[in-house]
Amino acid sequence: MARKNDIVLIYFEDNPVGFARVEDILPDHKKDWYHIKLLMLQIPLQTVTWILKDIYIEGTEFTMNGNRMRLEKVVAPEENDPPKPEGNEPKKQSDKANVISLHNRK
């Protein structure tokens, strides 16, 4: 389940439409429902509050005004060394290099 300060990707009809940061999650008076306050990461910045079931915050699809919606928590990729390009590696020079003189060549 997404928590406060997590980044989520918002899907609209199976298409990703934007990112938001979870600002707060407060319980609603109905069991298993929550007020989730999202900071929409777009220009201009704005906050919205949606009332969602806990399973919807966990990523289960729901509808809003008849449109299918889904939240997906964004997980940053692990930091690894940058990938090395394949096939473009410089050739290693051997210790026994041959020098060919073009001056003496006919």
Protein backbone atom coordinates (compact mmCIF):
# COMPACT_ATOMS: atom_id res chain seq x y z
CA MET A 1 0.00 0.00 0.00
CA ALA A 2 1.25 3.46 -0.82
CA ARG A 3 2.23 5.51 2.22
CA LYS A 4 2.81 9.17 2.97
CA ASN A 5 5.54 10.69 0.72
CA ASP A 6 5.40 7.81 -1.78
CA ILE A 7 5.24 8.64 -5.48
CA VAL A 8 2.40 6.99 -7.40
CA LEU A 9 1.72 6.71 -11.11
CA ILE A 10 -1.92 7.37 -11.99
CA TYR A 11 -3.50 5.30 -14.76
CA PHE A 12 -6.61 6.45 -16.62
CA GLU A 13 -8.23 3.77 -18.80
CA ASP A 14 -4.98 1.69 -18.74
CA ASN A 15 -2.83 4.66 -19.84
CA PRO A 16 -0.36 6.34 -17.47
CA VAL A 17 -1.34 10.01 -17.21
CA GLY A 18 0.78 11.48 -14.44
CA PHE A 19 2.63 11.23 -11.16
CA ALA A 20 1.55 12.33 -7.71
CA ARG A 21 3.08 12.35 -4.24
CA VAL A 22 0.98 11.01 -1.38
CA GLU A 23 0.69 13.89 1.07
CA ASP A 24 -1.57 12.23 3.63
CA ILE A 25 -3.85 9.25 4.17
CA LEU A 26 -6.61 9.71 6.73
CA PRO A 27 -9.33 7.21 7.66
CA ASP A 28 -12.88 7.89 6.54
CA HIS A 29 -15.90 7.25 8.75
CA LYS A 30 -16.68 4.18 6.60
CA LYS A 31 -14.61 1.07 7.33
CA ASP A 32 -11.71 0.40 4.91
CA TRP A 33 -12.13 3.79 3.19
CA TYR A 34 -9.55 6.58 3.33
CA HIS A 35 -9.06 10.19 2.31
CA ILE A 36 -5.86 10.19 0.27
CA LYS A 37 -4.41 13.63 -0.39
CA LEU A 38 -2.24 13.72 -3.52
CA LEU A 39 0.11 16.44 -4.74
CA MET A 40 -0.19 16.25 -8.52
CA LEU A 41 3.31 16.56 -9.97
CA GLN A 42 2.43 18.76 -12.91
CA ILE A 43 2.35 22.44 -13.77
CA PRO A 44 0.66 24.10 -12.02
CA LEU A 45 1.04 22.06 -8.83
CA GLN A 46 -2.24 21.24 -7.17
CA THR A 47 -3.51 18.94 -4.46
CA VAL A 48 -6.52 16.70 -4.71
CA THR A 49 -8.21 14.50 -2.12
CA TRP A 50 -9.78 11.26 -3.23
CA ILE A 51 -11.85 8.97 -1.01
CA LEU A 52 -10.68 5.44 -1.82
CA LYS A 53 -10.88 1.96 -0.33
CA ASP A 54 -7.66 0.53 1.03
CA ILE A 55 -7.52 -2.00 -1.83
CA TYR A 56 -7.61 0.86 -4.36
CA ILE A 57 -4.63 2.52 -2.67
CA GLU A 58 -2.87 -0.85 -2.92
CA GLY A 59 -3.28 -0.82 -6.71
CA THR A 60 -6.63 -2.47 -7.46
CA GLU A 61 -8.50 -0.86 -10.35
CA PHE A 62 -11.48 1.38 -9.50
CA THR A 63 -13.79 3.70 -11.40
CA MET A 64 -14.12 7.46 -11.13
CA ASN A 65 -16.98 9.10 -13.06
CA GLY A 66 -17.33 5.86 -15.03
CA ASN A 67 -13.65 5.80 -16.05
CA ARG A 68 -11.24 3.05 -15.01
CA MET A 69 -8.46 4.33 -12.75
CA ARG A 70 -5.53 2.74 -10.95
CA LEU A 71 -2.69 3.87 -8.68
CA GLU A 72 0.71 2.21 -8.92
CA LYS A 73 3.44 2.89 -6.38
CA VAL A 74 6.66 3.98 -8.09
CA VAL A 75 9.77 2.13 -7.00
CA ALA A 76 13.10 3.71 -7.93
CA PRO A 77 15.43 1.38 -9.83
CA GLU A 78 18.55 0.18 -8.07
CA GLU A 79 21.61 2.29 -8.70
CA ASN A 80 24.06 0.19 -10.68
CA ASP A 81 27.03 1.02 -12.82
CA PRO A 82 25.85 2.42 -16.15
CA PRO A 83 25.42 -0.29 -18.78
CA LYS A 84 28.38 -0.78 -21.08
CA PRO A 85 27.58 -0.58 -24.78
CA GLU A 86 27.91 -3.92 -26.53
CA GLY A 87 30.27 -4.28 -29.45
CA ASN A 88 31.80 -0.82 -29.05
CA GLU A 89 34.51 -1.84 -26.63
CA PRO A 90 37.97 -0.51 -27.49
CA LYS A 91 40.38 -3.17 -28.69
CA LYS A 92 43.16 -3.99 -26.30
CA GLN A 93 46.64 -3.48 -27.68
CA SER A 94 48.98 -6.39 -27.28
CA ASP A 95 52.48 -5.98 -25.90
CA LYS A 96 53.95 -7.10 -29.24
CA ALA A 97 52.72 -4.39 -31.57
CA ASN A 98 54.00 -4.41 -35.16
CA VAL A 99 54.97 -1.13 -36.78
CA ILE A 100 54.84 -1.09 -40.54
CA SER A 101 56.79 1.63 -42.29
CA LEU A 102 54.94 3.05 -45.25
CA HIS A 103 58.10 4.84 -46.42
CA ASN A 104 59.93 1.63 -47.29
CA ARG A 105 56.91 -0.06 -48.77
CA LYS A 106 56.57 -0.09 -52.58
